[in-house]
Every structure is written in C-alpha cells, then in structure tokens.
C-alpha cells in the first residue's frame, strides 16, 4: 500500500471520529496553485476543475475533466472516477444527492494555512454550484480533519522522518569538525549545502536562509540569510537547518548552538554533539506521534535545548520542551 492510499484510508477513520460525512478538496490547475491537502491524500495534480471526495463510509471519489480522468484512474486511493466534459456541476450534484452528506468539509481556515487551500475564486464557484440545494448550508471547515491527518504519522511516515533526521544529524556532525574562527557564516552555509547535495536531499525551506547561520551578538537573526560575518573566538554560533527527504517529502528542522572558543586551547569543547533521543508517545486509539529531542552539551553561555523536530511539507509541528518533560 502506498502512502497516499494509506493516508486516504486514515482520513476515512478521522471523518468517522469527527462525525463529518464527506471531505471535498476542490481544485483546478493544481500544479500552479496547489492545495496542501493534495500531498496528503491525492498525490497528483489535475488541470480541469476537480473534486476529490473522501467519504465517511469509505468510498473515495474523483470527479474530473475527461482529459484528466485517465491518469486519475491509475490512482489506487480513489475507487470511483467520474469524468465530465461540459462542466463539473451536474456530476458533483449527482454524487452529493446520492451520498446526501449532512456535513461537507472543505479546505478553508482562518487559523491553519495547511487547511486553507481552497482559493477564494474556487469557493465562489463551489457556492454558486450549490445554490438552491440543501448542501449549500452544510459546508464546514476541514481544519480538524487535516490537523489530525497531519499529526498522526503512519509507520511509513515515521520511517521517512527518521531517515531525514539521520541525514540531518550526520551533516551536523560534519559541520562540528569544519567550524573555526575566521570562517564566515556563508562558508558554513556552503559547507552544509554541499553535504546535503552529496546525500541527494534538498534544504527543508528556501535555500537563501536554509541553513540560517548567524554568529556573535550583532547578527540579523534566524530569518536572514548567511552573511560574510566572520566567526570569532567567544561567539555563540547558531545554525538552523533541515533537509527534505524525497521519498515522502518529509522535512526535518534542527537548531544547534556552538560556543566558539580557541581550538588549540580547548579541543575538548568541539566534540560531536550527543545523539538525539527518539521517543514515540502513544495517544488515543493507538496513534503514534514522533518526538525528536535533540540534546546539546551545556557550556558557558549556552543552555540545554530540547526541541521536537519534524516537518511535513513545511508544516510546523515542532515545539520546545522543558528538561523536566524529557526525564
């Protein structure tokens, strides 16, 4: 079973849990204007107006233009593919009348960008199609569905996250031996990016500030790109970096602090950082959440930092944790 099919089946269970009958992802030209939900439960783009439907009873339906339908029929996550030629409205209403959902979740949200993929224009088109039908008053936000779907990692997703983390930590270990007073922030960033290319991965976010490398007290901060500022003895060097692992497009994000002192006088201060502690915490219905707790050695001017890591297509799901929570 591929990841998209696995997540579509998980979405069915979440719909039952949330007591929502249907989840509609409504798109057009999605390669140009992608809805974040596509990466979760669709796995492909379409050109014409397309309705991707996941139903509480387990049926999955794609209503698509005739030229898109053939490729969608190869998608194992969708049991029923309904092509149209003149327009999507009639086919969509036929499905809605057959299923008669009491609640139809669509992708809008004022709080979560990952659940806000329905454009305003497509929302206007959808509501216009539903005018005069009972379904116009049954639209709700899919935010709860998407939050649960993104947060509950399958075993395959956990394996991909672990792989991305291992690559990231290996790069960090190599950086520890590269750092030296006199090198610039840009030197460090270029070294990291070269190691990423050697591992066949991309930066987790925009390359102009992934990695973010900033040293000393007078830096521009984490959201500014590396500069020609030189590392000096006594600086605290901060690196914020992660990789995108291609198999399932999972991203990591790790931050490390290095207290820069004289290498010749204090070589022991530049030993490799400790390996992260990986914990799987159980919660309701046997679902699993991955928490990656990266531990940093306590030195002068630094503190221990515990940070749960793991991003999925840019979705920020990490949080800082107190030391007492790790024990």
C-alpha atoms as a PDB file:
ATOM      1  CA  UNK A   1       0.000   0.000   0.000  1.00  0.00           C
ATOM      2  CA  UNK A   2       1.465   3.381  -0.963  1.00  0.00           C
ATOM      3  CA  UNK A   3       1.476   6.366   1.368  1.00  0.00           C
ATOM      4  CA  UNK A   4      -1.364   8.233  -0.391  1.00  0.00           C
ATOM      5  CA  UNK A   5      -3.694   5.228  -0.125  1.00  0.00           C
ATOM      6  CA  UNK A   6      -2.672   4.761   3.497  1.00  0.00           C
ATOM      7  CA  UNK A   7      -3.457   8.389   4.315  1.00  0.00           C
ATOM      8  CA  UNK A   8      -6.771   8.300   2.406  1.00  0.00           C
ATOM      9  CA  UNK A   9      -7.846   5.313   4.487  1.00  0.00           C
ATOM     10  CA  UNK A  10      -6.728   7.121   7.625  1.00  0.00           C
ATOM     11  CA  UNK A  11      -8.826  10.121   6.544  1.00  0.00           C
ATOM     12  CA  UNK A  12     -11.909   7.888   6.389  1.00  0.00           C
ATOM     13  CA  UNK A  13     -11.377   6.879  10.037  1.00  0.00           C
ATOM     14  CA  UNK A  14     -10.883  10.520  11.038  1.00  0.00           C
ATOM     15  CA  UNK A  15     -14.132  11.522   9.305  1.00  0.00           C
ATOM     16  CA  UNK A  16     -15.974   8.917  11.361  1.00  0.00           C
ATOM     17  CA  UNK A  17     -14.297  10.187  14.523  1.00  0.00           C
ATOM     18  CA  UNK A  18     -15.189  13.826  13.766  1.00  0.00           C
ATOM     19  CA  UNK A  19     -18.715  12.896  12.607  1.00  0.00           C
ATOM     20  CA  UNK A  20     -18.218  14.535   9.208  1.00  0.00           C
ATOM     21  CA  UNK A  21     -19.726  12.718   6.231  1.00  0.00           C
ATOM     22  CA  UNK A  22     -17.624  13.999   3.357  1.00  0.00           C
ATOM     23  CA  UNK A  23     -14.353  15.837   2.777  1.00  0.00           C
ATOM     24  CA  UNK A  24     -14.133  17.760  -0.507  1.00  0.00           C
ATOM     25  CA  UNK A  25     -10.864  19.058  -1.938  1.00  0.00           C
ATOM     26  CA  UNK A  26     -11.852  21.285  -4.867  1.00  0.00           C
ATOM     27  CA  UNK A  27      -9.064  22.432  -7.205  1.00  0.00           C
ATOM     28  CA  UNK A  28      -8.121  23.478 -10.720  1.00  0.00           C
ATOM     29  CA  UNK A  29      -4.680  23.852 -12.314  1.00  0.00           C
ATOM     30  CA  UNK A  30      -3.364  22.482  -9.029  1.00  0.00           C
ATOM     31  CA  UNK A  31       0.240  22.209 -10.233  1.00  0.00           C
ATOM     32  CA  UNK A  32       0.182  26.019 -10.472  1.00  0.00           C
ATOM     33  CA  UNK A  33      -1.974  26.683  -7.390  1.00  0.00           C
ATOM     34  CA  UNK A  34      -1.627  23.559  -5.190  1.00  0.00           C
ATOM     35  CA  UNK A  35      -3.832  22.861  -2.206  1.00  0.00           C
ATOM     36  CA  UNK A  36      -1.629  21.485   0.630  1.00  0.00           C
ATOM     37  CA  UNK A  37      -4.135  18.640   1.083  1.00  0.00           C
ATOM     38  CA  UNK A  38      -3.095  17.207  -2.289  1.00  0.00           C
ATOM     39  CA  UNK A  39       0.192  15.995  -0.840  1.00  0.00           C
ATOM     40  CA  UNK A  40      -1.683  14.123   1.867  1.00  0.00           C
ATOM     41  CA  UNK A  41      -4.492  12.213   0.207  1.00  0.00           C
ATOM     42  CA  UNK A  42      -4.297  12.816  -3.554  1.00  0.00           C
ATOM     43  CA  UNK A  43      -0.702  12.605  -4.716  1.00  0.00           C
ATOM     44  CA  UNK A  44      -1.230  14.082  -8.193  1.00  0.00           C
ATOM     45  CA  UNK A  45      -2.397  17.218  -9.946  1.00  0.00           C
ATOM     46  CA  UNK A  46      -5.248  17.911 -12.343  1.00  0.00           C
ATOM     47  CA  UNK A  47      -5.865  20.665 -14.879  1.00  0.00           C
ATOM     48  CA  UNK A  48      -9.647  20.971 -15.093  1.00  0.00           C
ATOM     49  CA  UNK A  49     -11.867  21.667 -12.095  1.00  0.00           C
ATOM     50  CA  UNK A  50     -11.593  18.520  -9.971  1.00  0.00           C
ATOM     51  CA  UNK A  51     -13.420  17.353  -6.861  1.00  0.00           C
ATOM     52  CA  UNK A  52     -11.530  14.864  -4.693  1.00  0.00           C
ATOM     53  CA  UNK A  53     -14.041  13.316  -2.283  1.00  0.00           C
ATOM     54  CA  UNK A  54     -13.312  11.179   0.763  1.00  0.00           C
ATOM     55  CA  UNK A  55     -16.464   9.825   2.385  1.00  0.00           C
ATOM     56  CA  UNK A  56     -17.151   8.653   5.898  1.00  0.00           C
ATOM     57  CA  UNK A  57     -18.485   5.308   4.608  1.00  0.00           C
ATOM     58  CA  UNK A  58     -15.114   4.541   2.998  1.00  0.00           C
ATOM     59  CA  UNK A  59     -15.868   5.474  -0.608  1.00  0.00           C
ATOM     60  CA  UNK A  60     -13.367   7.741  -2.340  1.00  0.00           C
ATOM     61  CA  UNK A  61     -14.448   9.586  -5.494  1.00  0.00           C
ATOM     62  CA  UNK A  62     -12.715  11.801  -8.034  1.00  0.00           C
ATOM     63  CA  UNK A  63     -14.825  13.952 -10.367  1.00  0.00           C
ATOM     64  CA  UNK A  64     -12.514  15.242 -13.077  1.00  0.00           C
ATOM     65  CA  UNK A  65     -12.352  16.540 -16.616  1.00  0.00           C
ATOM     66  CA  UNK A  66     -12.268  13.875 -19.301  1.00  0.00           C
ATOM     67  CA  UNK A  67      -8.644  14.605 -20.207  1.00  0.00           C
ATOM     68  CA  UNK A  68      -7.539  14.187 -16.575  1.00  0.00           C
ATOM     69  CA  UNK A  69      -9.621  11.107 -15.815  1.00  0.00           C
ATOM     70  CA  UNK A  70      -7.315   8.509 -17.388  1.00  0.00           C
ATOM     71  CA  UNK A  71      -4.368   9.347 -15.156  1.00  0.00           C
ATOM     72  CA  UNK A  72      -6.613   9.518 -12.089  1.00  0.00           C
ATOM     73  CA  UNK A  73      -7.902   6.011 -12.802  1.00  0.00           C
ATOM     74  CA  UNK A  74      -4.367   4.778 -12.084  1.00  0.00           C
ATOM     75  CA  UNK A  75      -4.523   6.288  -8.593  1.00  0.00           C
ATOM     76  CA  UNK A  76      -5.285   3.422  -6.176  1.00  0.00           C
ATOM     77  CA  UNK A  77      -6.505   5.788  -3.486  1.00  0.00           C
ATOM     78  CA  UNK A  78      -9.680   6.652  -5.452  1.00  0.00           C
ATOM     79  CA  UNK A  79     -12.192   3.892  -6.038  1.00  0.00           C
ATOM     80  CA  UNK A  80     -14.561   5.815  -8.313  1.00  0.00           C
ATOM     81  CA  UNK A  81     -13.545   8.189 -11.100  1.00  0.00           C
ATOM     82  CA  UNK A  82     -16.306  10.207 -12.781  1.00  0.00           C
ATOM     83  CA  UNK A  83     -15.310  12.129 -15.924  1.00  0.00           C
ATOM     84  CA  UNK A  84     -17.131  15.172 -17.274  1.00  0.00           C
ATOM     85  CA  UNK A  85     -16.944  17.207 -20.476  1.00  0.00           C
ATOM     86  CA  UNK A  86     -19.322  20.179 -20.285  1.00  0.00           C
ATOM     87  CA  UNK A  87     -18.784  21.108 -16.645  1.00  0.00           C
ATOM     88  CA  UNK A  88     -18.378  19.605 -13.189  1.00  0.00           C
ATOM     89  CA  UNK A  89     -21.604  20.894 -11.598  1.00  0.00           C
ATOM     90  CA  UNK A  90     -24.040  18.217 -12.748  1.00  0.00           C
ATOM     91  CA  UNK A  91     -21.734  15.328 -11.832  1.00  0.00           C
ATOM     92  CA  UNK A  92     -20.913  16.854  -8.458  1.00  0.00           C
ATOM     93  CA  UNK A  93     -24.582  17.380  -7.578  1.00  0.00           C
ATOM     94  CA  UNK A  94     -25.412  13.819  -8.651  1.00  0.00           C
ATOM     95  CA  UNK A  95     -22.815  12.460  -6.221  1.00  0.00           C
ATOM     96  CA  UNK A  96     -23.978  14.757  -3.435  1.00  0.00           C
ATOM     97  CA  UNK A  97     -27.601  13.688  -3.884  1.00  0.00           C
ATOM     98  CA  UNK A  98     -26.578  10.021  -3.824  1.00  0.00           C
ATOM     99  CA  UNK A  99     -24.428  10.370  -0.709  1.00  0.00           C
ATOM    100  CA  UNK A 100     -26.605  13.071   0.972  1.00  0.00           C
ATOM    101  CA  UNK A 101     -23.878  14.229   3.407  1.00  0.00           C
ATOM    102  CA  UNK A 102     -25.023  16.210   6.434  1.00  0.00           C
ATOM    103  CA  UNK A 103     -21.607  17.846   6.778  1.00  0.00           C
ATOM    104  CA  UNK A 104     -19.231  18.566   3.895  1.00  0.00           C
ATOM    105  CA  UNK A 105     -15.743  19.644   4.944  1.00  0.00           C
ATOM    106  CA  UNK A 106     -13.942  21.984   2.557  1.00  0.00           C
ATOM    107  CA  UNK A 107     -10.430  23.416   2.843  1.00  0.00           C
ATOM    108  CA  UNK A 108     -10.776  26.823   4.441  1.00  0.00           C
ATOM    109  CA  UNK A 109      -9.414  28.005   7.758  1.00  0.00           C
ATOM    110  CA  UNK A 110      -8.602  31.284   9.478  1.00  0.00           C
ATOM    111  CA  UNK A 111      -6.044  29.561  11.731  1.00  0.00           C
ATOM    112  CA  UNK A 112      -4.175  26.930   9.703  1.00  0.00           C
ATOM    113  CA  UNK A 113      -2.539  27.590   6.348  1.00  0.00           C
ATOM    114  CA  UNK A 114      -2.393  23.837   5.730  1.00  0.00           C
ATOM    115  CA  UNK A 115      -6.208  23.662   5.866  1.00  0.00           C
ATOM    116  CA  UNK A 116      -6.759  26.821   3.819  1.00  0.00           C
ATOM    117  CA  UNK A 117      -6.030  25.524   0.328  1.00  0.00           C
ATOM    118  CA  UNK A 118      -9.379  26.358  -1.284  1.00  0.00           C
ATOM    119  CA  UNK A 119      -8.896  29.623  -3.151  1.00  0.00           C
ATOM    120  CA  UNK A 120     -11.494  32.368  -2.843  1.00  0.00           C
ATOM    121  CA  UNK A 121     -12.371  32.043  -6.519  1.00  0.00           C
ATOM    122  CA  UNK A 122     -12.950  28.302  -6.208  1.00  0.00           C
ATOM    123  CA  UNK A 123     -15.029  28.871  -3.081  1.00  0.00           C
ATOM    124  CA  UNK A 124     -17.255  31.290  -5.041  1.00  0.00           C
ATOM    125  CA  UNK A 125     -17.594  28.763  -7.862  1.00  0.00           C
ATOM    126  CA  UNK A 126     -18.499  25.986  -5.422  1.00  0.00           C
ATOM    127  CA  UNK A 127     -21.113  28.001  -3.554  1.00  0.00           C
ATOM    128  CA  UNK A 128     -22.613  29.097  -6.864  1.00  0.00           C
ATOM    129  CA  UNK A 129     -22.897  25.435  -7.923  1.00  0.00           C
ATOM    130  CA  UNK A 130     -24.646  24.602  -4.648  1.00  0.00           C
ATOM    131  CA  UNK A 131     -27.126  27.490  -4.744  1.00  0.00           C
ATOM    132  CA  UNK A 132     -30.705  26.299  -4.295  1.00  0.00           C
ATOM    133  CA  UNK A 133     -29.655  22.932  -2.832  1.00  0.00           C
ATOM    134  CA  UNK A 134     -29.577  21.856   0.828  1.00  0.00           C
ATOM    135  CA  UNK A 135     -25.827  21.255   0.503  1.00  0.00           C
ATOM    136  CA  UNK A 136     -25.065  24.990   0.434  1.00  0.00           C
ATOM    137  CA  UNK A 137     -25.737  25.145   4.183  1.00  0.00           C
ATOM    138  CA  UNK A 138     -23.739  22.020   5.043  1.00  0.00           C
ATOM    139  CA  UNK A 139     -20.222  23.296   4.380  1.00  0.00           C
ATOM    140  CA  UNK A 140     -17.784  23.236   7.308  1.00  0.00           C
ATOM    141  CA  UNK A 141     -14.035  23.716   7.697  1.00  0.00           C
ATOM    142  CA  UNK A 142     -11.756  20.710   7.205  1.00  0.00           C
ATOM    143  CA  UNK A 143      -9.274  22.078   9.730  1.00  0.00           C
ATOM    144  CA  UNK A 144      -9.891  19.363  12.346  1.00  0.00           C
ATOM    145  CA  UNK A 145      -9.579  16.625   9.728  1.00  0.00           C
ATOM    146  CA  UNK A 146      -6.319  17.935   8.292  1.00  0.00           C
ATOM    147  CA  UNK A 147      -4.806  18.602  11.718  1.00  0.00           C
ATOM    148  CA  UNK A 148      -5.474  15.013  12.771  1.00  0.00           C
ATOM    149  CA  UNK A 149      -4.308  13.608   9.445  1.00  0.00           C
ATOM    150  CA  UNK A 150      -1.047  15.529   9.529  1.00  0.00           C
ATOM    151  CA  UNK A 151      -0.389  14.834  13.199  1.00  0.00           C
ATOM    152  CA  UNK A 152      -0.986  11.091  13.178  1.00  0.00           C
ATOM    153  CA  UNK A 153       2.014   9.570  11.462  1.00  0.00           C
ATOM    154  CA  UNK A 154       1.800   6.150   9.894  1.00  0.00           C
ATOM    155  CA  UNK A 155       4.633   3.653  10.264  1.00  0.00           C
ATOM    156  CA  UNK A 156       5.867   4.513   6.751  1.00  0.00           C
ATOM    157  CA  UNK A 157       5.855   8.214   7.592  1.00  0.00           C
ATOM    158  CA  UNK A 158       7.801   7.596  10.787  1.00  0.00           C
ATOM    159  CA  UNK A 159      10.444   5.667   8.838  1.00  0.00           C
ATOM    160  CA  UNK A 160      10.793   8.573   6.422  1.00  0.00           C
ATOM    161  CA  UNK A 161      11.067  11.107   9.250  1.00  0.00           C
ATOM    162  CA  UNK A 162      13.780   9.029  10.908  1.00  0.00           C
ATOM    163  CA  UNK A 163      15.692   8.811   7.623  1.00  0.00           C
ATOM    164  CA  UNK A 164      15.538  12.580   7.172  1.00  0.00           C
ATOM    165  CA  UNK A 165      16.704  13.095  10.749  1.00  0.00           C
ATOM    166  CA  UNK A 166      19.639  10.718  10.342  1.00  0.00           C
ATOM    167  CA  UNK A 167      20.810  12.616   7.254  1.00  0.00           C
ATOM    168  CA  UNK A 168      20.460  15.968   9.026  1.00  0.00           C
ATOM    169  CA  UNK A 169      22.367  14.843  12.116  1.00  0.00           C
ATOM    170  CA  UNK A 170      25.153  13.346  10.020  1.00  0.00           C
ATOM    171  CA  UNK A 171      25.576  16.710   8.275  1.00  0.00           C
ATOM    172  CA  UNK A 172      25.669  18.486  11.634  1.00  0.00           C
ATOM    173  CA  UNK A 173      28.359  16.093  12.860  1.00  0.00           C
ATOM    174  CA  UNK A 174      30.482  17.013   9.840  1.00  0.00           C
ATOM    175  CA  UNK A 175      29.918  20.720  10.469  1.00  0.00           C
ATOM    176  CA  UNK A 176      31.313  20.403  14.003  1.00  0.00           C
ATOM    177  CA  UNK A 177      34.701  19.483  12.537  1.00  0.00           C
ATOM    178  CA  UNK A 178      34.565  22.282   9.960  1.00  0.00           C
ATOM    179  CA  UNK A 179      33.940  25.227  12.275  1.00  0.00           C
ATOM    180  CA  UNK A 180      36.858  27.506  13.101  1.00  0.00           C
ATOM    181  CA  UNK A 181      37.408  31.180  13.929  1.00  0.00           C
ATOM    182  CA  UNK A 182      37.917  33.148  10.731  1.00  0.00           C
ATOM    183  CA  UNK A 183      35.364  31.234   8.676  1.00  0.00           C
ATOM    184  CA  UNK A 184      32.279  33.208   7.633  1.00  0.00           C
ATOM    185  CA  UNK A 185      28.606  32.409   8.034  1.00  0.00           C
ATOM    186  CA  UNK A 186      28.500  31.930   4.251  1.00  0.00           C
ATOM    187  CA  UNK A 187      31.399  29.443   4.424  1.00  0.00           C
ATOM    188  CA  UNK A 188      29.481  27.342   6.944  1.00  0.00           C
ATOM    189  CA  UNK A 189      26.248  27.511   4.918  1.00  0.00           C
ATOM    190  CA  UNK A 190      28.013  26.470   1.700  1.00  0.00           C
ATOM    191  CA  UNK A 191      29.638  23.533   3.502  1.00  0.00           C
ATOM    192  CA  UNK A 192      26.234  22.364   4.759  1.00  0.00           C
ATOM    193  CA  UNK A 193      24.557  22.721   1.361  1.00  0.00           C
ATOM    194  CA  UNK A 194      27.320  20.737  -0.316  1.00  0.00           C
ATOM    195  CA  UNK A 195      26.862  17.916   2.215  1.00  0.00           C
ATOM    196  CA  UNK A 196      23.106  17.984   1.507  1.00  0.00           C
ATOM    197  CA  UNK A 197      23.713  17.636  -2.233  1.00  0.00           C
ATOM    198  CA  UNK A 198      26.056  14.714  -1.594  1.00  0.00           C
ATOM    199  CA  UNK A 199      23.220  13.000   0.281  1.00  0.00           C
ATOM    200  CA  UNK A 200      20.734  13.634  -2.532  1.00  0.00           C
ATOM    201  CA  UNK A 201      18.435  15.881  -0.493  1.00  0.00           C
ATOM    202  CA  UNK A 202      17.265  19.478  -0.667  1.00  0.00           C
ATOM    203  CA  UNK A 203      17.070  22.117   2.072  1.00  0.00           C
ATOM    204  CA  UNK A 204      13.826  21.920   4.045  1.00  0.00           C
ATOM    205  CA  UNK A 205      12.919  25.515   3.207  1.00  0.00           C
ATOM    206  CA  UNK A 206      14.243  28.321   0.979  1.00  0.00           C
ATOM    207  CA  UNK A 207      17.946  27.908   0.307  1.00  0.00           C
ATOM    208  CA  UNK A 208      18.668  31.595   0.834  1.00  0.00           C
ATOM    209  CA  UNK A 209      18.231  31.042   4.572  1.00  0.00           C
ATOM    210  CA  UNK A 210      18.401  27.263   4.924  1.00  0.00           C
ATOM    211  CA  UNK A 211      20.693  26.906   6.623  1.00  0.00           C
ATOM    212  CA  UNK A 212      20.364  30.032   8.706  1.00  0.00           C
ATOM    213  CA  UNK A 213      23.820  30.646  10.154  1.00  0.00           C
ATOM    214  CA  UNK A 214      24.396  33.567  12.491  1.00  0.00           C
ATOM    215  CA  UNK A 215      27.299  34.251  14.795  1.00  0.00           C
ATOM    216  CA  UNK A 216      28.099  36.737  17.531  1.00  0.00           C
ATOM    217  CA  UNK A 217      25.962  39.359  19.249  1.00  0.00           C
ATOM    218  CA  UNK A 218      25.354  41.596  16.207  1.00  0.00           C
ATOM    219  CA  UNK A 219      23.600  39.310  13.760  1.00  0.00           C
ATOM    220  CA  UNK A 220      20.482  39.763  11.644  1.00  0.00           C
ATOM    221  CA  UNK A 221      18.612  36.793  13.167  1.00  0.00           C
ATOM    222  CA  UNK A 222      17.286  33.406  12.109  1.00  0.00           C
ATOM    223  CA  UNK A 223      15.179  34.559   9.147  1.00  0.00           C
ATOM    224  CA  UNK A 224      18.024  36.324   7.375  1.00  0.00           C
ATOM    225  CA  UNK A 225      20.461  34.586   5.068  1.00  0.00           C
ATOM    226  CA  UNK A 226      24.101  33.829   5.957  1.00  0.00           C
ATOM    227  CA  UNK A 227      26.467  36.780   5.512  1.00  0.00           C
ATOM    228  CA  UNK A 228      30.203  37.359   5.250  1.00  0.00           C
ATOM    229  CA  UNK A 229      30.359  37.993   9.009  1.00  0.00           C
ATOM    230  CA  UNK A 230      33.340  36.104  10.425  1.00  0.00           C
ATOM    231  CA  UNK A 231      33.205  33.676  13.329  1.00  0.00           C
ATOM    232  CA  UNK A 232      35.308  34.891  16.227  1.00  0.00           C
ATOM    233  CA  UNK A 233      36.531  33.267  19.434  1.00  0.00           C
ATOM    234  CA  UNK A 234      33.906  33.833  22.116  1.00  0.00           C
ATOM    235  CA  UNK A 235      30.981  33.884  19.683  1.00  0.00           C
ATOM    236  CA  UNK A 236      27.912  31.737  20.065  1.00  0.00           C
ATOM    237  CA  UNK A 237      27.221  30.323  16.587  1.00  0.00           C
ATOM    238  CA  UNK A 238      23.626  29.365  15.788  1.00  0.00           C
ATOM    239  CA  UNK A 239      22.711  27.061  12.903  1.00  0.00           C
ATOM    240  CA  UNK A 240      19.092  26.412  11.899  1.00  0.00           C
ATOM    241  CA  UNK A 241      18.838  23.742   9.200  1.00  0.00           C
ATOM    242  CA  UNK A 242      16.876  20.766   7.926  1.00  0.00           C
ATOM    243  CA  UNK A 243      16.534  18.592   4.840  1.00  0.00           C
ATOM    244  CA  UNK A 244      13.696  17.455   2.618  1.00  0.00           C
ATOM    245  CA  UNK A 245      13.747  13.692   2.182  1.00  0.00           C
ATOM    246  CA  UNK A 246      12.408  12.950  -1.285  1.00  0.00           C
ATOM    247  CA  UNK A 247      10.730   9.554  -0.763  1.00  0.00           C
ATOM    248  CA  UNK A 248       7.754  11.054   1.067  1.00  0.00           C
ATOM    249  CA  UNK A 249       8.723  14.738   1.008  1.00  0.00           C
ATOM    250  CA  UNK A 250       9.340  14.839   4.740  1.00  0.00           C
ATOM    251  CA  UNK A 251      11.382  17.639   6.218  1.00  0.00           C
ATOM    252  CA  UNK A 252      13.414  17.983   9.387  1.00  0.00           C
ATOM    253  CA  UNK A 253      14.393  21.068  11.294  1.00  0.00           C
ATOM    254  CA  UNK A 254      17.192  21.090  13.849  1.00  0.00           C
ATOM    255  CA  UNK A 255      18.858  24.013  15.561  1.00  0.00           C
ATOM    256  CA  UNK A 256      22.291  23.823  17.166  1.00  0.00           C
ATOM    257  CA  UNK A 257      24.351  26.231  19.197  1.00  0.00           C
ATOM    258  CA  UNK A 258      28.147  26.184  19.267  1.00  0.00           C
ATOM    259  CA  UNK A 259      30.172  28.141  21.795  1.00  0.00           C
ATOM    260  CA  UNK A 260      33.251  29.145  19.787  1.00  0.00           C
ATOM    261  CA  UNK A 261      36.496  29.250  21.797  1.00  0.00           C
ATOM    262  CA  UNK A 262      40.135  28.734  20.862  1.00  0.00           C
ATOM    263  CA  UNK A 263      40.507  25.331  19.190  1.00  0.00           C
ATOM    264  CA  UNK A 264      44.123  24.988  20.278  1.00  0.00           C
ATOM    265  CA  UNK A 265      43.387  25.668  23.941  1.00  0.00           C
ATOM    266  CA  UNK A 266      40.086  23.830  24.293  1.00  0.00           C
ATOM    267  CA  UNK A 267      39.862  20.959  21.761  1.00  0.00           C
ATOM    268  CA  UNK A 268      37.505  19.017  24.053  1.00  0.00           C
ATOM    269  CA  UNK A 269      34.836  21.690  23.571  1.00  0.00           C
ATOM    270  CA  UNK A 270      34.433  20.691  19.921  1.00  0.00           C
ATOM    271  CA  UNK A 271      33.452  17.059  20.345  1.00  0.00           C
ATOM    272  CA  UNK A 272      30.420  15.886  18.436  1.00  0.00           C
ATOM    273  CA  UNK A 273      27.033  16.731  19.856  1.00  0.00           C
ATOM    274  CA  UNK A 274      25.151  13.954  21.559  1.00  0.00           C
ATOM    275  CA  UNK A 275      22.798  11.826  19.511  1.00  0.00           C
ATOM    276  CA  UNK A 276      19.118  12.727  19.732  1.00  0.00           C
ATOM    277  CA  UNK A 277      16.790  10.813  21.948  1.00  0.00           C
ATOM    278  CA  UNK A 278      13.904   9.469  19.901  1.00  0.00           C
ATOM    279  CA  UNK A 279      10.648   8.817  21.707  1.00  0.00           C
ATOM    280  CA  UNK A 280       7.348   7.531  20.403  1.00  0.00           C
ATOM    281  CA  UNK A 281       4.500   8.713  22.565  1.00  0.00           C
ATOM    282  CA  UNK A 282       1.195   6.861  22.412  1.00  0.00           C
ATOM    283  CA  UNK A 283      -2.132   8.592  22.472  1.00  0.00           C
ATOM    284  CA  UNK A 284      -5.749   7.852  21.698  1.00  0.00           C
ATOM    285  CA  UNK A 285      -6.667   4.888  19.526  1.00  0.00           C
ATOM    286  CA  UNK A 286      -3.112   3.632  19.313  1.00  0.00           C
ATOM    287  CA  UNK A 287      -1.977   6.505  17.111  1.00  0.00           C
ATOM    288  CA  UNK A 288       1.646   7.493  17.357  1.00  0.00           C
ATOM    289  CA  UNK A 289       3.410  10.852  17.373  1.00  0.00           C
ATOM    290  CA  UNK A 290       7.142  11.143  16.826  1.00  0.00           C
ATOM    291  CA  UNK A 291       9.110  13.354  19.171  1.00  0.00           C
ATOM    292  CA  UNK A 292      12.752  14.018  18.434  1.00  0.00           C
ATOM    293  CA  UNK A 293      14.563  15.509  21.388  1.00  0.00           C
ATOM    294  CA  UNK A 294      17.968  16.859  20.379  1.00  0.00           C
ATOM    295  CA  UNK A 295      20.256  17.331  23.364  1.00  0.00           C
ATOM    296  CA  UNK A 296      23.021  19.935  23.371  1.00  0.00           C
ATOM    297  CA  UNK A 297      26.024  19.911  25.760  1.00  0.00           C
ATOM    298  CA  UNK A 298      25.820  22.541  28.466  1.00  0.00           C
ATOM    299  CA  UNK A 299      28.692  25.020  28.208  1.00  0.00           C
ATOM    300  CA  UNK A 300      29.392  28.588  29.210  1.00  0.00           C
ATOM    301  CA  UNK A 301      26.851  30.975  27.707  1.00  0.00           C
ATOM    302  CA  UNK A 302      24.713  28.108  26.423  1.00  0.00           C
ATOM    303  CA  UNK A 303      21.862  26.075  27.821  1.00  0.00           C
ATOM    304  CA  UNK A 304      20.430  22.666  27.140  1.00  0.00           C
ATOM    305  CA  UNK A 305      17.815  22.809  24.423  1.00  0.00           C
ATOM    306  CA  UNK A 306      15.179  20.186  23.795  1.00  0.00           C
ATOM    307  CA  UNK A 307      13.279  20.527  20.566  1.00  0.00           C
ATOM    308  CA  UNK A 308      10.825  18.140  18.958  1.00  0.00           C
ATOM    309  CA  UNK A 309      11.527  18.114  15.232  1.00  0.00           C
ATOM    310  CA  UNK A 310       9.656  17.023  12.169  1.00  0.00           C
ATOM    311  CA  UNK A 311       8.085  18.953   9.360  1.00  0.00           C
ATOM    312  CA  UNK A 312       5.816  17.645   6.673  1.00  0.00           C
ATOM    313  CA  UNK A 313       5.863  19.753   3.528  1.00  0.00           C
ATOM    314  CA  UNK A 314       6.602  22.850   5.519  1.00  0.00           C
ATOM    315  CA  UNK A 315       4.029  22.290   8.217  1.00  0.00           C
ATOM    316  CA  UNK A 316       5.428  23.417  11.546  1.00  0.00           C
ATOM    317  CA  UNK A 317       4.705  20.640  14.059  1.00  0.00           C
ATOM    318  CA  UNK A 318       7.604  21.114  16.433  1.00  0.00           C
ATOM    319  CA  UNK A 319       7.648  22.652  19.881  1.00  0.00           C
ATOM    320  CA  UNK A 320      10.186  23.341  22.602  1.00  0.00           C
ATOM    321  CA  UNK A 321      10.151  21.108  25.647  1.00  0.00           C
ATOM    322  CA  UNK A 322      11.345  21.659  29.196  1.00  0.00           C
ATOM    323  CA  UNK A 323      14.102  19.465  30.556  1.00  0.00           C
ATOM    324  CA  UNK A 324      11.709  18.102  33.191  1.00  0.00           C
ATOM    325  CA  UNK A 325       9.453  16.789  30.402  1.00  0.00           C
ATOM    326  CA  UNK A 326      12.223  14.659  28.923  1.00  0.00           C
ATOM    327  CA  UNK A 327      13.013  12.728  32.097  1.00  0.00           C
END
